[in-house]
Amino acid sequence: MSTFSFEAAAAWLCPAVAAVLGGTILCQVKSRPGQRGTKVVCLAGLWGGACLLRVSVFWGVLLFSLACLLSYHHLSGQALLPVDQRAVLVTGGDTGLGHALCKYLDELGFTVFAGVLAERGPGAEGLRRTCSSRLCVLQLDVTAPEQIKDAHSKVAAKLQKRGLWAVINNAGIMGFPADAELIPMAEYRRCMAVNFFGAVEVTKAFLPLLRKSKGRLVNISSMAGGVPMERLSAYGSSKAALTMFSAVMRQELSMWGVKVSIVQPGGFKTNITGTSDTWDRLEKTLLEQAPPAVREAYGQEYILKLRDYLHEFHRRSSPDMSPLLLDVQHAVLARRPLAFYTPGRGSFLFLCLASMGPTGLLDYCLRSLMSGKTVPRGLRTPSRESPEASPGEGTRS
């Protein structure tokens, strides 16, 4: 009889404990920006797994309670610090994400140093016009060492004895998407110069100020830095280098109290693809610099259709940058920020698939996204025939 009573009481106790602890965790999750649903899904998975394993009610409640306590402890470290006039540096503030970040952080009350490529350009003027007097626009081409030194001097002079709380390395370029064989070496070097070497040099210049405040280093990488995406070899390689640099810095700077986060967003409309004029220039460079044998193999029709990738990329990108802004805010202000953030549709899934899933499945999924693409002329022409050169293409004499 006593056994029956215990089991009956436990049967009622189990849902009650689950409801109370689960509700507490849910309230904690809802109060935190970024990565909101992950912890709830983990808890539900643990509870469901316990049920599937048919563990006893006692052990099921114990397992769930332990998961809740661990999650609560983790989420307590996700509480956001007060802004309290903290100062942040954002690179690439002219357009896109950098521009939106400068405005968003200014609205939150930060002292924002907005590094821009053109100090008198429309992006910089827009920031001056719409943001508070706390925001300071800095001429900062991340590929120009003298501009980085000058920006550091201005930031240090304005902050005086205060440290810089956060550096957000956002400046980046994508270049013209093309098959790796077609991309000129100058384009590989340009992507590395902006996306990787620029971020490294800015980081090294401002680290003394970050160490003083025991602040944050936030590097904006990309899903392409962890997922091998066709036609993005130059861009993806530079972002992969930035991701590894960030991971190493996370370990090295921990003893200084500086926390490092990597943001690997999916597709957002950030103007990183450039303008039509930029596409025209890069497309012309690609056609002129490709060796005759390579132009012959791919064909001019294939090369001219490459810009369709940019249109498709733009079409699939989300215009709502709020998930990305919230994750950066969390990386800058959380007591214990996450090491990785993956805002954007499909980013987390594809990064997990690329790192842990079968290669064949990853390749199939990525190919399906590019279904219907143009085939190089060399694959459409029998090898025994000598294909005629397309108009405007040179042939080897």
Protein backbone atom coordinates (compact mmCIF):
# COMPACT_ATOMS: atom_id res chain seq x y z
CA MET A 1 0.00 0.00 0.00
CA SER A 2 2.82 2.37 0.89
CA THR A 3 4.56 1.58 -2.40
CA PHE A 4 1.40 2.39 -4.32
CA SER A 5 0.98 5.65 -2.41
CA PHE A 6 4.58 6.68 -3.13
CA GLU A 7 4.21 5.93 -6.83
CA ALA A 8 0.91 7.78 -6.97
CA ALA A 9 2.36 10.79 -5.17
CA ALA A 10 5.46 10.74 -7.40
CA ALA A 11 3.24 10.61 -10.48
CA TRP A 12 1.68 13.91 -9.38
CA LEU A 13 4.96 15.34 -8.10
CA CYS A 14 6.82 14.79 -11.35
CA PRO A 15 4.72 17.16 -13.52
CA ALA A 16 4.59 19.69 -10.66
CA VAL A 17 8.38 19.80 -10.32
CA ALA A 18 8.75 19.93 -14.09
CA ALA A 19 6.30 22.83 -14.34
CA VAL A 20 7.91 24.88 -11.56
CA LEU A 21 11.54 24.38 -12.59
CA GLY A 22 10.80 24.52 -16.29
CA GLY A 23 8.79 27.72 -15.84
CA THR A 24 11.62 29.31 -13.88
CA ILE A 25 14.10 28.49 -16.63
CA LEU A 26 11.70 29.70 -19.32
CA CYS A 27 11.38 33.07 -17.56
CA GLN A 28 15.18 33.30 -17.43
CA VAL A 29 15.47 32.49 -21.13
CA LYS A 30 12.84 35.03 -22.14
CA SER A 31 14.70 37.78 -20.34
CA ARG A 32 17.92 37.22 -22.30
CA PRO A 33 18.55 38.47 -25.84
CA GLY A 34 20.02 36.05 -28.36
CA GLN A 35 20.08 32.25 -28.39
CA ARG A 36 16.69 32.28 -26.62
CA GLY A 37 15.26 28.93 -27.53
CA THR A 38 18.35 26.79 -27.17
CA LYS A 39 18.16 26.12 -23.44
CA VAL A 40 14.46 25.27 -23.50
CA VAL A 41 15.06 22.79 -26.32
CA CYS A 42 17.92 21.20 -24.35
CA LEU A 43 15.77 20.81 -21.26
CA ALA A 44 12.92 19.34 -23.24
CA GLY A 45 15.36 16.95 -24.91
CA LEU A 46 16.77 15.76 -21.59
CA TRP A 47 13.30 15.22 -20.16
CA GLY A 48 12.13 13.44 -23.28
CA GLY A 49 15.26 11.29 -23.30
CA ALA A 50 14.66 10.28 -19.70
CA CYS A 51 11.13 9.25 -20.59
CA LEU A 52 12.31 7.28 -23.62
CA LEU A 53 14.86 5.46 -21.48
CA ARG A 54 11.99 4.53 -19.15
CA VAL A 55 13.91 5.56 -16.04
CA SER A 56 12.03 5.54 -12.76
CA VAL A 57 10.01 8.57 -11.73
CA PHE A 58 12.54 9.36 -8.99
CA TRP A 59 15.51 9.37 -11.36
CA GLY A 60 13.54 11.21 -14.00
CA VAL A 61 12.71 14.03 -11.58
CA LEU A 62 16.30 14.07 -10.32
CA LEU A 63 17.72 14.27 -13.85
CA PHE A 64 15.34 17.03 -14.87
CA SER A 65 15.99 18.98 -11.65
CA LEU A 66 19.74 18.74 -12.17
CA ALA A 67 19.38 19.94 -15.75
CA CYS A 68 17.27 22.88 -14.59
CA LEU A 69 19.76 23.84 -11.89
CA LEU A 70 22.68 23.71 -14.31
CA SER A 71 20.74 25.71 -16.89
CA TYR A 72 19.71 28.26 -14.25
CA HIS A 73 23.35 28.62 -13.18
CA HIS A 74 24.37 29.12 -16.79
CA LEU A 75 21.61 31.61 -17.50
CA SER A 76 22.42 33.59 -14.38
CA GLY A 77 25.75 34.31 -16.04
CA GLN A 78 23.90 35.58 -19.09
CA ALA A 79 22.46 38.53 -17.17
CA LEU A 80 23.35 41.75 -18.97
CA LEU A 81 25.66 44.27 -17.37
CA PRO A 82 24.55 47.92 -17.27
CA VAL A 83 25.75 50.02 -20.19
CA ASP A 84 26.99 52.72 -17.80
CA GLN A 85 28.60 54.79 -20.58
CA ARG A 86 30.88 51.97 -21.64
CA ALA A 87 32.86 52.68 -24.82
CA VAL A 88 32.92 50.44 -27.90
CA LEU A 89 34.74 50.58 -31.23
CA VAL A 90 32.95 49.32 -34.34
CA THR A 91 34.79 48.95 -37.66
CA GLY A 92 33.02 49.15 -41.02
CA GLY A 93 30.41 51.63 -39.80
CA ASP A 94 29.67 53.17 -43.22
CA THR A 95 26.96 50.73 -44.29
CA GLY A 96 25.20 47.47 -43.51
CA LEU A 97 25.65 45.74 -40.19
CA GLY A 98 28.34 48.13 -38.95
CA HIS A 99 26.10 51.13 -39.58
CA ALA A 100 23.14 49.44 -37.87
CA LEU A 101 25.34 48.39 -34.94
CA CYS A 102 26.63 51.91 -34.37
CA LYS A 103 23.06 53.25 -34.23
CA TYR A 104 21.82 50.41 -32.03
CA LEU A 105 24.67 50.64 -29.51
CA ASP A 106 24.31 54.41 -29.42
CA GLU A 107 20.60 54.02 -28.59
CA LEU A 108 21.55 51.68 -25.74
CA GLY A 109 23.73 54.41 -24.23
CA PHE A 110 27.23 53.32 -25.28
CA THR A 111 29.97 55.75 -26.21
CA VAL A 112 30.46 54.56 -29.79
CA PHE A 113 33.60 55.03 -31.87
CA ALA A 114 32.44 54.38 -35.43
CA GLY A 115 35.31 53.47 -37.72
CA VAL A 116 34.41 54.32 -41.32
CA LEU A 117 36.11 54.00 -44.68
CA ALA A 118 35.09 57.54 -45.70
CA GLU A 119 34.95 60.09 -42.89
CA ARG A 120 32.99 62.53 -45.08
CA GLY A 121 30.93 59.91 -46.89
CA PRO A 122 27.14 59.52 -46.70
CA GLY A 123 27.35 56.71 -44.14
CA ALA A 124 29.43 58.78 -41.74
CA GLU A 125 27.22 61.84 -42.20
CA GLY A 126 24.16 59.70 -41.54
CA LEU A 127 25.62 58.57 -38.22
CA ARG A 128 26.43 62.13 -37.20
CA ARG A 129 22.93 63.25 -38.11
CA THR A 130 20.94 60.48 -36.41
CA CYS A 131 23.04 59.48 -33.39
CA SER A 132 23.76 61.21 -30.10
CA SER A 133 26.71 63.45 -29.36
CA ARG A 134 28.41 60.48 -27.66
CA LEU A 135 29.14 58.90 -31.03
CA CYS A 136 32.51 59.75 -32.56
CA VAL A 137 33.24 59.05 -36.23
CA LEU A 138 36.79 57.92 -36.99
CA GLN A 139 38.52 57.59 -40.33
CA LEU A 140 39.53 53.94 -40.20
CA ASP A 141 40.52 51.88 -43.22
CA VAL A 142 41.50 48.60 -41.56
CA THR A 143 44.06 47.95 -44.32
CA ALA A 144 45.90 51.21 -43.53
CA PRO A 145 48.22 50.84 -40.49
CA GLU A 146 48.66 54.60 -40.12
CA GLN A 147 44.89 55.10 -39.87
CA ILE A 148 44.66 52.37 -37.21
CA LYS A 149 47.39 54.09 -35.17
CA ASP A 150 45.68 57.47 -35.56
CA ALA A 151 42.31 56.01 -34.51
CA HIS A 152 43.92 54.41 -31.46
CA SER A 153 45.47 57.75 -30.44
CA LYS A 154 42.11 59.54 -30.72
CA VAL A 155 40.25 56.84 -28.77
CA ALA A 156 42.89 56.77 -26.01
CA ALA A 157 42.90 60.56 -25.77
CA LYS A 158 39.11 60.73 -25.44
CA LEU A 159 38.88 57.90 -22.92
CA GLN A 160 41.93 59.08 -20.96
CA LYS A 161 42.21 56.69 -17.99
CA ARG A 162 39.11 54.73 -18.93
CA GLY A 163 39.56 51.50 -20.82
CA LEU A 164 37.80 50.61 -24.04
CA TRP A 165 35.10 48.09 -23.19
CA ALA A 166 34.67 46.37 -26.58
CA VAL A 167 36.17 46.12 -30.04
CA ILE A 168 33.77 44.82 -32.69
CA ASN A 169 35.67 43.81 -35.83
CA ASN A 170 32.91 44.07 -38.40
CA ALA A 171 34.59 45.52 -41.50
CA GLY A 172 34.53 43.00 -44.32
CA ILE A 173 34.11 42.43 -48.04
CA MET A 174 32.76 39.52 -50.04
CA GLY A 175 34.16 40.23 -53.48
CA PHE A 176 32.74 38.82 -56.69
CA PRO A 177 31.59 35.20 -56.26
CA ALA A 178 33.18 32.83 -58.72
CA ASP A 179 34.74 29.40 -58.96
CA ALA A 180 38.08 29.30 -57.13
CA GLU A 181 39.96 28.77 -60.40
CA LEU A 182 38.46 31.94 -61.85
CA ILE A 183 39.07 34.27 -58.90
CA PRO A 184 42.21 36.39 -59.48
CA MET A 185 44.93 36.14 -56.85
CA ALA A 186 44.52 39.86 -56.20
CA GLU A 187 40.98 39.17 -55.00
CA TYR A 188 42.19 36.48 -52.59
CA ARG A 189 44.72 38.96 -51.19
CA ARG A 190 42.10 41.72 -50.95
CA CYS A 191 39.71 39.51 -48.96
CA MET A 192 42.49 38.44 -46.61
CA ALA A 193 43.70 42.04 -46.21
CA VAL A 194 40.27 43.33 -45.10
CA ASN A 195 38.58 40.34 -43.48
CA PHE A 196 41.56 38.85 -41.68
CA PHE A 197 44.71 40.99 -41.52
CA GLY A 198 42.68 44.15 -40.90
CA ALA A 199 40.86 42.56 -37.95
CA VAL A 200 44.14 41.21 -36.55
CA GLU A 201 45.88 44.59 -36.76
CA VAL A 202 42.94 46.45 -35.18
CA THR A 203 42.83 43.86 -32.39
CA LYS A 204 46.55 44.14 -31.68
CA ALA A 205 46.40 47.94 -31.65
CA PHE A 206 43.49 48.19 -29.19
CA LEU A 207 44.26 45.24 -26.90
CA PRO A 208 46.03 47.40 -24.27
CA LEU A 209 42.79 49.36 -23.83
CA LEU A 210 40.74 46.15 -23.67
CA ARG A 211 43.04 44.65 -21.05
CA LYS A 212 42.64 47.78 -18.93
CA SER A 213 38.85 47.40 -18.87
CA LYS A 214 38.83 43.57 -18.96
CA GLY A 215 36.39 44.01 -21.78
CA ARG A 216 35.24 42.20 -24.89
CA LEU A 217 36.53 41.33 -28.33
CA VAL A 218 33.76 40.49 -30.78
CA ASN A 219 34.71 39.34 -34.28
CA ILE A 220 32.06 39.15 -36.98
CA SER A 221 32.93 36.08 -39.02
CA SER A 222 30.45 34.27 -41.28
CA MET A 223 28.69 30.99 -41.78
CA ALA A 224 30.95 30.71 -44.85
CA GLY A 225 33.91 30.60 -42.47
CA GLY A 226 32.83 27.16 -41.29
CA VAL A 227 30.73 25.85 -44.19
CA PRO A 228 32.39 25.25 -47.59
CA MET A 229 30.19 27.24 -49.96
CA GLU A 230 30.71 27.20 -53.71
CA ARG A 231 32.04 30.40 -55.33
CA LEU A 232 33.05 31.88 -51.97
CA SER A 233 36.54 30.42 -51.64
CA ALA A 234 38.25 33.81 -51.19
CA TYR A 235 35.66 35.16 -48.76
CA GLY A 236 35.17 31.88 -46.88
CA SER A 237 38.90 31.27 -46.46
CA SER A 238 39.45 34.74 -44.98
CA LYS A 239 36.53 34.28 -42.57
CA ALA A 240 37.78 30.81 -41.59
CA ALA A 241 41.13 32.40 -40.71
CA LEU A 242 39.32 35.03 -38.63
CA THR A 243 37.34 32.32 -36.83
CA MET A 244 40.49 30.41 -35.88
CA PHE A 245 42.27 33.61 -34.81
CA SER A 246 39.30 34.44 -32.58
CA ALA A 247 39.31 30.97 -31.00
CA VAL A 248 43.00 31.25 -30.17
CA MET A 249 42.53 34.76 -28.77
CA ARG A 250 39.67 33.49 -26.60
CA GLN A 251 42.09 31.12 -24.87
CA GLU A 252 45.04 33.52 -24.65
CA LEU A 253 43.07 36.53 -23.39
CA SER A 254 41.12 34.65 -20.73
CA MET A 255 43.93 35.15 -18.21
CA TRP A 256 43.62 38.92 -18.76
CA GLY A 257 39.89 38.84 -18.11
CA VAL A 258 39.08 39.75 -21.72
CA LYS A 259 36.28 37.65 -23.21
CA VAL A 260 36.20 36.83 -26.93
CA SER A 261 33.13 35.95 -28.98
CA ILE A 262 32.76 34.89 -32.60
CA VAL A 263 29.59 35.75 -34.50
CA GLN A 264 28.92 33.55 -37.54
CA PRO A 265 25.75 34.93 -39.10
CA GLY A 266 23.74 33.44 -41.94
CA GLY A 267 22.30 35.56 -44.73
CA PHE A 268 21.36 39.13 -43.80
CA LYS A 269 20.93 42.10 -46.12
CA THR A 270 24.05 44.01 -45.09
CA ASN A 271 25.32 45.42 -48.44
CA ILE A 272 28.43 43.24 -48.17
CA THR A 273 27.81 42.07 -51.73
CA GLY A 274 28.57 45.58 -53.01
CA THR A 275 26.95 47.63 -55.76
CA SER A 276 26.27 46.92 -59.43
CA ASP A 277 29.21 49.16 -60.37
CA THR A 278 31.48 47.05 -58.16
CA TRP A 279 30.14 43.89 -59.79
CA ASP A 280 30.81 45.30 -63.26
CA ARG A 281 34.39 46.19 -62.35
CA LEU A 282 35.16 42.84 -60.74
CA GLU A 283 33.48 40.93 -63.55
CA LYS A 284 35.61 42.80 -66.12
CA THR A 285 38.76 42.08 -64.09
CA LEU A 286 37.86 38.40 -63.90
CA LEU A 287 37.34 38.15 -67.68
CA GLU A 288 40.56 40.00 -68.45
CA GLN A 289 42.81 38.14 -66.00
CA ALA A 290 41.57 34.58 -66.47
CA PRO A 291 44.10 32.58 -68.53
CA PRO A 292 42.88 31.74 -72.06
CA ALA A 293 42.66 28.02 -71.26
CA VAL A 294 40.51 28.75 -68.21
CA ARG A 295 38.20 31.10 -70.14
CA GLU A 296 37.94 28.43 -72.79
CA ALA A 297 36.96 25.75 -70.28
CA TYR A 298 34.34 27.80 -68.44
CA GLY A 299 33.02 29.92 -71.30
CA GLN A 300 32.02 33.58 -71.26
CA GLU A 301 28.34 32.71 -70.86
CA TYR A 302 29.10 30.88 -67.60
CA ILE A 303 31.26 33.73 -66.29
CA LEU A 304 28.64 36.36 -67.09
CA LYS A 305 25.99 34.32 -65.27
CA LEU A 306 28.02 34.29 -62.05
CA ARG A 307 26.43 37.52 -60.90
CA ASP A 308 23.11 35.65 -60.66
CA TYR A 309 24.56 34.17 -57.45
CA LEU A 310 24.64 37.66 -55.96
CA HIS A 311 21.00 38.25 -56.89
CA GLU A 312 20.04 34.89 -55.39
CA PHE A 313 22.07 35.58 -52.25
CA HIS A 314 20.36 38.94 -51.87
CA ARG A 315 16.93 37.40 -52.45
CA ARG A 316 17.41 34.77 -49.75
CA SER A 317 18.90 37.17 -47.18
CA SER A 318 16.77 38.44 -44.34
CA PRO A 319 16.15 42.20 -44.08
CA ASP A 320 15.56 41.87 -40.32
CA MET A 321 18.92 42.28 -38.61
CA SER A 322 17.50 42.26 -35.07
CA PRO A 323 18.71 38.67 -34.28
CA LEU A 324 22.22 39.71 -35.27
CA LEU A 325 22.08 42.95 -33.29
CA LEU A 326 20.76 41.16 -30.19
CA ASP A 327 23.52 38.56 -30.34
CA VAL A 328 26.20 41.25 -30.59
CA GLN A 329 24.58 43.07 -27.67
CA HIS A 330 24.69 39.84 -25.68
CA ALA A 331 28.35 39.26 -26.57
CA VAL A 332 29.21 42.78 -25.42
CA LEU A 333 27.16 42.93 -22.21
CA ALA A 334 26.54 39.42 -20.86
CA ARG A 335 28.42 38.53 -17.69
CA ARG A 336 29.50 35.28 -19.34
CA PRO A 337 29.07 35.73 -23.11
CA LEU A 338 28.96 32.74 -25.40
CA ALA A 339 32.01 31.78 -27.43
CA PHE A 340 29.97 31.36 -30.63
CA TYR A 341 26.81 33.03 -31.90
CA THR A 342 25.01 31.83 -35.03
CA PRO A 343 22.20 34.27 -35.85
CA GLY A 344 20.32 33.83 -39.08
CA ARG A 345 18.26 31.14 -40.72
CA GLY A 346 20.15 27.89 -41.21
CA SER A 347 23.48 29.10 -39.84
CA PHE A 348 23.59 26.87 -36.75
CA LEU A 349 22.27 23.84 -38.65
CA PHE A 350 24.79 24.08 -41.48
CA LEU A 351 27.72 24.76 -39.14
CA CYS A 352 26.82 21.66 -37.11
CA LEU A 353 26.44 19.62 -40.29
CA ALA A 354 29.80 20.86 -41.59
CA SER A 355 31.64 20.04 -38.35
CA MET A 356 29.94 16.80 -37.31
CA GLY A 357 27.74 15.49 -40.14
CA PRO A 358 28.57 13.19 -43.06
CA THR A 359 30.40 15.01 -45.82
CA GLY A 360 28.18 13.50 -48.48
CA LEU A 361 25.04 14.82 -46.80
CA LEU A 362 26.56 18.29 -46.45
CA ASP A 363 27.56 18.38 -50.12
CA TYR A 364 24.11 17.20 -51.17
CA CYS A 365 22.37 19.89 -49.11
CA LEU A 366 24.65 22.63 -50.43
CA ARG A 367 24.25 21.46 -54.03
CA SER A 368 20.48 21.45 -53.69
CA LEU A 369 20.61 25.13 -52.77
CA MET A 370 22.38 25.82 -56.05
CA SER A 371 20.14 23.66 -58.24
CA GLY A 372 19.68 24.89 -61.79
CA LYS A 373 22.99 26.73 -61.97
CA THR A 374 24.77 27.20 -65.29
CA VAL A 375 27.24 24.49 -66.30
CA PRO A 376 30.73 25.43 -67.59
CA ARG A 377 31.06 25.11 -71.33
CA GLY A 378 33.81 22.49 -70.99
CA LEU A 379 31.30 20.14 -69.36
CA ARG A 380 28.72 20.71 -72.09
CA THR A 381 31.11 20.06 -75.00
CA PRO A 382 32.42 16.58 -75.88
CA SER A 383 36.12 16.40 -75.07
CA ARG A 384 36.97 15.16 -78.54
CA GLU A 385 35.61 18.34 -80.09
CA SER A 386 37.40 21.67 -80.01
CA PRO A 387 34.91 24.22 -78.68
CA GLU A 388 34.68 27.51 -80.47
CA ALA A 389 35.64 30.57 -78.56
CA SER A 390 32.78 32.71 -77.33
CA PRO A 391 32.64 36.32 -78.52
CA GLY A 392 35.11 38.51 -76.66
CA GLU A 393 37.26 35.56 -75.51
CA GLY A 394 40.84 35.03 -76.50
CA THR A 395 42.29 31.70 -77.66
CA ARG A 396 45.73 30.30 -77.17
CA SER A 397 47.83 30.66 -80.34
